[in-house]
């Protein structure tokens, strides 16, 4: 049972602060994610932290807007055939690899923030998407 990473702790606490969650509410939320074991974010396991962060992101209006833009990139990758071999599923490692190698900030798709995503979307539209569609 691995404890959460320092980055997970920072991310969780940043989202809690951004969402205006009070210390009492925070404790109750964490009790829920730890099945009553603890009310402190420092005591979360890695898996509990993943679930908590996902939940908090789902409550963040900016994250919802960012997810729409990420889905646009994924949709374009789907249109140009970036699928896992023998399936119709998107090849996320390939897409993430493209973002890390050619994306203007050299990081994975999910690491781009709301303010950074418009430029990445445009870059993908003018890059692999335009290249494949204009062949």
N, C-alpha and C. Protein backbone atom coordinates (compact mmCIF):
# COMPACT_ATOMS: atom_id res chain seq x y z
N UNK A 1 0.85 -1.18 0.00
CA UNK A 1 0.00 0.00 0.00
C UNK A 1 0.89 1.24 0.00
N UNK A 2 1.15 1.77 -1.18
CA UNK A 2 2.03 2.93 -1.33
C UNK A 2 1.29 4.22 -0.97
N UNK A 3 1.97 5.06 -0.24
CA UNK A 3 1.40 6.36 0.09
C UNK A 3 1.45 7.28 -1.12
N UNK A 4 0.67 8.34 -1.06
CA UNK A 4 0.63 9.28 -2.16
C UNK A 4 1.97 9.96 -2.34
N UNK A 5 2.22 10.44 -3.55
CA UNK A 5 3.45 11.15 -3.85
C UNK A 5 3.32 12.60 -3.40
N UNK A 6 4.46 13.26 -3.34
CA UNK A 6 4.47 14.67 -2.97
C UNK A 6 3.65 15.49 -3.98
N UNK A 7 3.78 15.14 -5.27
CA UNK A 7 3.04 15.85 -6.31
C UNK A 7 1.54 15.64 -6.15
N UNK A 8 1.12 14.43 -5.80
CA UNK A 8 -0.30 14.17 -5.57
C UNK A 8 -0.82 15.01 -4.41
N UNK A 9 -0.04 15.10 -3.34
CA UNK A 9 -0.44 15.89 -2.17
C UNK A 9 -0.60 17.35 -2.56
N UNK A 10 0.35 17.87 -3.31
CA UNK A 10 0.29 19.27 -3.76
C UNK A 10 -0.94 19.48 -4.65
N UNK A 11 -1.16 18.56 -5.59
CA UNK A 11 -2.30 18.69 -6.51
C UNK A 11 -3.62 18.66 -5.76
N UNK A 12 -3.76 17.69 -4.85
CA UNK A 12 -5.00 17.58 -4.08
C UNK A 12 -5.25 18.84 -3.25
N UNK A 13 -4.24 19.29 -2.55
CA UNK A 13 -4.42 20.48 -1.71
C UNK A 13 -4.66 21.74 -2.53
N UNK A 14 -4.04 21.83 -3.69
CA UNK A 14 -4.27 22.98 -4.57
C UNK A 14 -5.72 23.01 -5.05
N UNK A 15 -6.23 21.83 -5.46
CA UNK A 15 -7.62 21.76 -5.92
C UNK A 15 -8.60 22.06 -4.78
N UNK A 16 -8.30 21.54 -3.60
CA UNK A 16 -9.16 21.80 -2.43
C UNK A 16 -9.22 23.30 -2.16
N UNK A 17 -8.08 23.94 -2.20
CA UNK A 17 -8.02 25.39 -1.97
C UNK A 17 -8.76 26.15 -3.09
N UNK A 18 -8.50 25.77 -4.34
CA UNK A 18 -9.12 26.44 -5.48
C UNK A 18 -10.65 26.34 -5.43
N UNK A 19 -11.14 25.20 -4.97
CA UNK A 19 -12.59 24.98 -4.91
C UNK A 19 -13.23 25.59 -3.67
N UNK A 20 -12.41 26.16 -2.79
CA UNK A 20 -12.95 26.81 -1.59
C UNK A 20 -13.51 25.85 -0.57
N UNK A 21 -12.95 24.66 -0.51
CA UNK A 21 -13.42 23.64 0.44
C UNK A 21 -12.84 23.96 1.82
N UNK A 22 -13.71 24.03 2.81
CA UNK A 22 -13.28 24.37 4.17
C UNK A 22 -12.50 23.20 4.78
N UNK A 23 -11.72 23.47 5.84
CA UNK A 23 -10.97 22.39 6.50
C UNK A 23 -11.89 21.27 7.01
N UNK A 24 -13.07 21.62 7.48
CA UNK A 24 -14.01 20.60 7.96
C UNK A 24 -14.51 19.74 6.80
N UNK A 25 -14.85 20.40 5.68
CA UNK A 25 -15.31 19.67 4.50
C UNK A 25 -14.19 18.79 3.95
N UNK A 26 -12.97 19.32 3.95
CA UNK A 26 -11.81 18.56 3.47
C UNK A 26 -11.67 17.27 4.28
N UNK A 27 -11.74 17.41 5.58
CA UNK A 27 -11.59 16.24 6.46
C UNK A 27 -12.67 15.20 6.16
N UNK A 28 -13.91 15.67 5.99
CA UNK A 28 -15.01 14.75 5.68
C UNK A 28 -14.82 14.05 4.34
N UNK A 29 -14.38 14.80 3.34
CA UNK A 29 -14.14 14.23 2.02
C UNK A 29 -13.06 13.16 2.10
N UNK A 30 -11.98 13.48 2.79
CA UNK A 30 -10.86 12.53 2.89
C UNK A 30 -11.27 11.30 3.70
N UNK A 31 -12.08 11.49 4.74
CA UNK A 31 -12.62 10.33 5.48
C UNK A 31 -13.34 9.40 4.50
N UNK A 32 -14.10 9.99 3.59
CA UNK A 32 -14.83 9.19 2.61
C UNK A 32 -13.90 8.41 1.69
N UNK A 33 -12.84 9.05 1.23
CA UNK A 33 -11.92 8.40 0.31
C UNK A 33 -11.00 7.39 0.99
N UNK A 34 -10.85 7.49 2.33
CA UNK A 34 -10.03 6.53 3.07
C UNK A 34 -10.90 5.51 3.81
N UNK A 35 -12.18 5.50 3.53
CA UNK A 35 -13.14 4.61 4.21
C UNK A 35 -13.08 4.78 5.72
N UNK A 36 -12.94 6.03 6.17
CA UNK A 36 -12.94 6.35 7.60
C UNK A 36 -11.62 6.14 8.31
N UNK A 37 -10.59 5.77 7.58
CA UNK A 37 -9.29 5.51 8.19
C UNK A 37 -8.60 6.80 8.67
N UNK A 38 -8.76 7.89 7.91
CA UNK A 38 -8.07 9.13 8.24
C UNK A 38 -8.79 10.32 7.63
N UNK A 39 -8.58 11.47 8.22
CA UNK A 39 -9.13 12.71 7.69
C UNK A 39 -8.05 13.63 7.14
N UNK A 40 -6.82 13.13 7.08
CA UNK A 40 -5.68 13.93 6.62
C UNK A 40 -5.25 13.50 5.23
N UNK A 41 -5.03 14.47 4.36
CA UNK A 41 -4.60 14.15 3.00
C UNK A 41 -3.23 13.49 2.98
N UNK A 42 -2.43 13.71 3.98
CA UNK A 42 -1.09 13.10 4.05
C UNK A 42 -1.16 11.59 4.23
N UNK A 43 -2.29 11.08 4.71
CA UNK A 43 -2.44 9.65 4.97
C UNK A 43 -3.07 8.88 3.81
N UNK A 44 -3.37 9.56 2.71
CA UNK A 44 -3.95 8.89 1.56
C UNK A 44 -2.96 7.92 0.93
N UNK A 45 -3.48 6.81 0.41
CA UNK A 45 -2.63 5.93 -0.40
C UNK A 45 -2.56 6.52 -1.81
N UNK A 46 -1.68 5.98 -2.61
CA UNK A 46 -1.55 6.44 -3.99
C UNK A 46 -2.89 6.32 -4.72
N UNK A 47 -3.53 5.14 -4.60
CA UNK A 47 -4.80 4.90 -5.30
C UNK A 47 -5.92 5.81 -4.79
N UNK A 48 -5.96 6.03 -3.49
CA UNK A 48 -6.98 6.93 -2.92
C UNK A 48 -6.76 8.35 -3.43
N UNK A 49 -5.49 8.75 -3.54
CA UNK A 49 -5.17 10.10 -4.04
C UNK A 49 -5.61 10.25 -5.49
N UNK A 50 -5.39 9.22 -6.29
CA UNK A 50 -5.82 9.27 -7.70
C UNK A 50 -7.33 9.50 -7.77
N UNK A 51 -8.07 8.76 -6.96
CA UNK A 51 -9.54 8.90 -6.96
C UNK A 51 -9.96 10.28 -6.45
N UNK A 52 -9.34 10.75 -5.38
CA UNK A 52 -9.67 12.06 -4.83
C UNK A 52 -9.39 13.17 -5.84
N UNK A 53 -8.23 13.13 -6.45
CA UNK A 53 -7.87 14.16 -7.43
C UNK A 53 -8.83 14.14 -8.61
N UNK A 54 -9.18 12.95 -9.08
CA UNK A 54 -10.18 12.85 -10.16
C UNK A 54 -11.51 13.45 -9.77
N UNK A 55 -11.93 13.18 -8.55
CA UNK A 55 -13.20 13.74 -8.05
C UNK A 55 -13.12 15.27 -7.99
N UNK A 56 -12.04 15.79 -7.42
CA UNK A 56 -11.90 17.24 -7.29
C UNK A 56 -11.83 17.92 -8.66
N UNK A 57 -11.14 17.30 -9.60
CA UNK A 57 -11.06 17.87 -10.94
C UNK A 57 -12.44 17.91 -11.59
N UNK A 58 -13.26 16.91 -11.31
CA UNK A 58 -14.61 16.88 -11.90
C UNK A 58 -15.48 18.02 -11.37
N UNK A 59 -15.11 18.58 -10.23
CA UNK A 59 -15.86 19.70 -9.65
C UNK A 59 -15.35 21.06 -10.13
N UNK A 60 -14.18 21.07 -10.76
CA UNK A 60 -13.51 22.31 -11.17
C UNK A 60 -14.00 22.74 -12.56
N UNK A 61 -14.68 23.89 -12.67
CA UNK A 61 -15.18 24.34 -13.97
C UNK A 61 -14.08 24.52 -15.02
N UNK A 62 -12.91 24.97 -14.59
CA UNK A 62 -11.80 25.14 -15.54
C UNK A 62 -11.35 23.78 -16.07
N UNK A 63 -11.32 22.79 -15.20
CA UNK A 63 -10.90 21.45 -15.62
C UNK A 63 -11.90 20.86 -16.61
N UNK A 64 -13.18 21.17 -16.44
CA UNK A 64 -14.20 20.68 -17.38
C UNK A 64 -13.95 21.29 -18.77
N UNK A 65 -13.62 22.57 -18.81
CA UNK A 65 -13.33 23.23 -20.09
C UNK A 65 -12.07 22.66 -20.71
N UNK A 66 -11.06 22.40 -19.88
CA UNK A 66 -9.81 21.82 -20.37
C UNK A 66 -10.06 20.43 -20.95
N UNK A 67 -10.91 19.67 -20.30
CA UNK A 67 -11.20 18.31 -20.77
C UNK A 67 -11.87 18.33 -22.14
N UNK A 68 -12.68 19.33 -22.41
CA UNK A 68 -13.31 19.47 -23.72
C UNK A 68 -12.23 19.66 -24.79
N UNK A 69 -11.23 20.48 -24.50
CA UNK A 69 -10.16 20.71 -25.47
C UNK A 69 -9.28 19.46 -25.63
N UNK A 70 -9.04 18.75 -24.54
CA UNK A 70 -8.27 17.49 -24.66
C UNK A 70 -9.02 16.50 -25.53
N UNK A 71 -10.32 16.44 -25.36
CA UNK A 71 -11.14 15.53 -26.16
C UNK A 71 -11.10 15.92 -27.65
N UNK A 72 -10.96 17.21 -27.92
CA UNK A 72 -10.86 17.65 -29.31
C UNK A 72 -9.58 17.10 -29.94
N UNK A 73 -8.48 17.15 -29.21
CA UNK A 73 -7.22 16.60 -29.71
C UNK A 73 -7.37 15.09 -29.91
N UNK A 74 -7.98 14.42 -28.95
CA UNK A 74 -8.18 12.98 -29.05
C UNK A 74 -9.07 12.65 -30.25
N UNK A 75 -10.09 13.44 -30.49
CA UNK A 75 -10.98 13.24 -31.63
C UNK A 75 -10.22 13.39 -32.95
N UNK A 76 -9.37 14.39 -33.04
CA UNK A 76 -8.58 14.58 -34.26
C UNK A 76 -7.64 13.40 -34.47
N UNK A 77 -7.02 12.92 -33.38
CA UNK A 77 -6.12 11.76 -33.48
C UNK A 77 -6.92 10.54 -33.96
N UNK A 78 -8.13 10.42 -33.49
CA UNK A 78 -9.00 9.33 -33.92
C UNK A 78 -9.29 9.44 -35.43
N UNK A 79 -9.60 10.65 -35.87
CA UNK A 79 -9.92 10.87 -37.28
C UNK A 79 -8.77 10.52 -38.21
N UNK A 80 -7.53 10.74 -37.75
CA UNK A 80 -6.38 10.45 -38.60
C UNK A 80 -5.85 9.04 -38.42
N UNK A 81 -6.57 8.25 -37.60
CA UNK A 81 -6.25 6.83 -37.50
C UNK A 81 -5.19 6.44 -36.48
N UNK A 82 -4.99 7.27 -35.46
CA UNK A 82 -4.02 6.92 -34.43
C UNK A 82 -4.68 5.96 -33.44
N UNK A 83 -4.85 4.71 -33.89
CA UNK A 83 -5.52 3.69 -33.08
C UNK A 83 -4.53 2.65 -32.61
N UNK A 84 -4.91 1.96 -31.54
CA UNK A 84 -4.14 0.80 -31.11
C UNK A 84 -4.25 -0.24 -32.22
N UNK A 85 -3.17 -0.95 -32.50
CA UNK A 85 -3.20 -1.93 -33.60
C UNK A 85 -4.36 -2.91 -33.47
N UNK A 86 -5.10 -3.06 -34.56
CA UNK A 86 -6.19 -4.01 -34.61
C UNK A 86 -7.46 -3.60 -33.89
N UNK A 87 -7.52 -2.34 -33.44
CA UNK A 87 -8.70 -1.87 -32.73
C UNK A 87 -9.15 -0.53 -33.29
N UNK A 88 -10.23 -0.03 -32.75
CA UNK A 88 -10.71 1.30 -33.09
C UNK A 88 -10.50 2.25 -31.90
N UNK A 89 -9.69 1.79 -30.92
CA UNK A 89 -9.41 2.61 -29.74
C UNK A 89 -8.22 3.52 -30.01
N UNK A 90 -8.29 4.73 -29.49
CA UNK A 90 -7.22 5.70 -29.68
C UNK A 90 -5.93 5.18 -29.03
N UNK A 91 -4.83 5.42 -29.69
CA UNK A 91 -3.51 5.03 -29.17
C UNK A 91 -3.00 6.18 -28.29
N UNK A 92 -3.42 6.16 -27.02
CA UNK A 92 -3.07 7.25 -26.11
C UNK A 92 -1.56 7.37 -25.88
N UNK A 93 -0.82 6.27 -25.76
CA UNK A 93 0.64 6.44 -25.62
C UNK A 93 1.25 7.17 -26.82
N UNK A 94 0.75 6.91 -28.02
CA UNK A 94 1.26 7.61 -29.20
C UNK A 94 0.91 9.10 -29.13
N UNK A 95 -0.33 9.40 -28.79
CA UNK A 95 -0.76 10.79 -28.70
C UNK A 95 0.01 11.52 -27.60
N UNK A 96 0.13 10.88 -26.45
CA UNK A 96 0.86 11.48 -25.34
C UNK A 96 2.33 11.67 -25.72
N UNK A 97 2.88 10.70 -26.42
CA UNK A 97 4.27 10.80 -26.88
C UNK A 97 4.45 11.97 -27.84
N UNK A 98 3.47 12.17 -28.73
CA UNK A 98 3.54 13.31 -29.65
C UNK A 98 3.55 14.61 -28.86
N UNK A 99 2.67 14.70 -27.87
CA UNK A 99 2.60 15.92 -27.05
C UNK A 99 3.93 16.18 -26.35
N UNK A 100 4.54 15.13 -25.84
CA UNK A 100 5.81 15.28 -25.13
C UNK A 100 6.97 15.62 -26.07
N UNK A 101 6.92 15.10 -27.29
CA UNK A 101 8.02 15.34 -28.22
C UNK A 101 7.84 16.61 -29.04
N UNK A 102 6.61 16.85 -29.52
CA UNK A 102 6.37 17.97 -30.42
C UNK A 102 5.51 19.09 -29.84
N UNK A 103 4.78 18.82 -28.78
CA UNK A 103 3.95 19.86 -28.16
C UNK A 103 4.82 21.01 -27.68
N UNK A 104 4.32 22.19 -27.75
CA UNK A 104 5.15 23.36 -27.48
C UNK A 104 5.68 23.42 -26.05
N UNK A 105 5.07 22.72 -25.12
CA UNK A 105 5.58 22.69 -23.75
C UNK A 105 6.23 21.36 -23.39
N UNK A 106 6.25 20.42 -24.34
CA UNK A 106 6.93 19.13 -24.16
C UNK A 106 6.46 18.36 -22.93
N UNK A 107 5.12 18.28 -22.76
CA UNK A 107 4.58 17.50 -21.66
C UNK A 107 3.35 16.74 -22.14
N UNK A 108 2.93 15.76 -21.35
CA UNK A 108 1.80 14.93 -21.72
C UNK A 108 0.51 15.72 -21.87
N UNK A 109 -0.42 15.18 -22.62
CA UNK A 109 -1.69 15.86 -22.90
C UNK A 109 -2.41 16.29 -21.63
N UNK A 110 -2.50 15.40 -20.64
CA UNK A 110 -3.23 15.74 -19.42
C UNK A 110 -2.50 16.74 -18.53
N UNK A 111 -1.24 17.00 -18.81
CA UNK A 111 -0.49 17.97 -18.01
C UNK A 111 -0.71 19.41 -18.49
N UNK A 112 -1.28 19.57 -19.69
CA UNK A 112 -1.56 20.92 -20.20
C UNK A 112 -2.75 21.52 -19.45
N UNK A 113 -2.62 22.76 -19.06
CA UNK A 113 -3.69 23.46 -18.34
C UNK A 113 -4.66 24.11 -19.32
N UNK A 114 -5.73 24.63 -18.78
CA UNK A 114 -6.74 25.29 -19.59
C UNK A 114 -6.13 26.41 -20.43
N UNK A 115 -5.28 27.21 -19.84
CA UNK A 115 -4.70 28.33 -20.58
C UNK A 115 -3.68 27.89 -21.62
N UNK A 116 -3.11 26.70 -21.46
CA UNK A 116 -2.10 26.19 -22.40
C UNK A 116 -2.70 25.40 -23.55
N UNK A 117 -3.87 24.84 -23.34
CA UNK A 117 -4.47 23.92 -24.33
C UNK A 117 -4.84 24.55 -25.67
N UNK A 118 -5.35 25.79 -25.73
CA UNK A 118 -5.69 26.32 -27.05
C UNK A 118 -4.52 26.29 -28.03
N UNK A 119 -3.34 26.62 -27.56
CA UNK A 119 -2.17 26.61 -28.44
C UNK A 119 -1.82 25.18 -28.86
N UNK A 120 -1.96 24.21 -27.96
CA UNK A 120 -1.68 22.82 -28.30
C UNK A 120 -2.70 22.31 -29.33
N UNK A 121 -3.97 22.65 -29.14
CA UNK A 121 -5.01 22.24 -30.09
C UNK A 121 -4.66 22.78 -31.48
N UNK A 122 -4.33 24.04 -31.55
CA UNK A 122 -3.96 24.66 -32.83
C UNK A 122 -2.73 23.99 -33.42
N UNK A 123 -1.76 23.70 -32.59
CA UNK A 123 -0.54 23.04 -33.05
C UNK A 123 -0.85 21.67 -33.64
N UNK A 124 -1.73 20.91 -32.99
CA UNK A 124 -2.10 19.59 -33.51
C UNK A 124 -2.89 19.73 -34.81
N UNK A 125 -3.78 20.73 -34.87
CA UNK A 125 -4.57 20.96 -36.09
C UNK A 125 -3.66 21.28 -37.28
N UNK A 126 -2.61 22.05 -37.05
CA UNK A 126 -1.71 22.46 -38.12
C UNK A 126 -0.61 21.42 -38.37
N UNK A 127 -0.44 20.50 -37.45
CA UNK A 127 0.60 19.50 -37.56
C UNK A 127 0.08 18.20 -38.13
N UNK A 128 0.04 17.13 -37.32
CA UNK A 128 -0.33 15.82 -37.85
C UNK A 128 -1.74 15.78 -38.45
N UNK A 129 -2.67 16.52 -37.89
CA UNK A 129 -4.04 16.50 -38.38
C UNK A 129 -4.10 17.05 -39.80
N UNK A 130 -3.50 18.21 -40.01
CA UNK A 130 -3.51 18.84 -41.35
C UNK A 130 -2.71 17.99 -42.34
N UNK A 131 -1.59 17.44 -41.90
CA UNK A 131 -0.73 16.65 -42.79
C UNK A 131 -1.48 15.43 -43.32
N UNK A 132 -2.13 14.70 -42.46
CA UNK A 132 -2.84 13.48 -42.87
C UNK A 132 -4.05 13.82 -43.74
N UNK A 133 -4.80 14.84 -43.37
CA UNK A 133 -6.01 15.18 -44.11
C UNK A 133 -5.71 15.80 -45.48
N UNK A 134 -4.54 16.38 -45.64
CA UNK A 134 -4.21 17.06 -46.90
C UNK A 134 -3.36 16.19 -47.83
N UNK A 135 -3.24 14.93 -47.54
CA UNK A 135 -2.43 14.04 -48.39
C UNK A 135 -3.12 13.72 -49.67
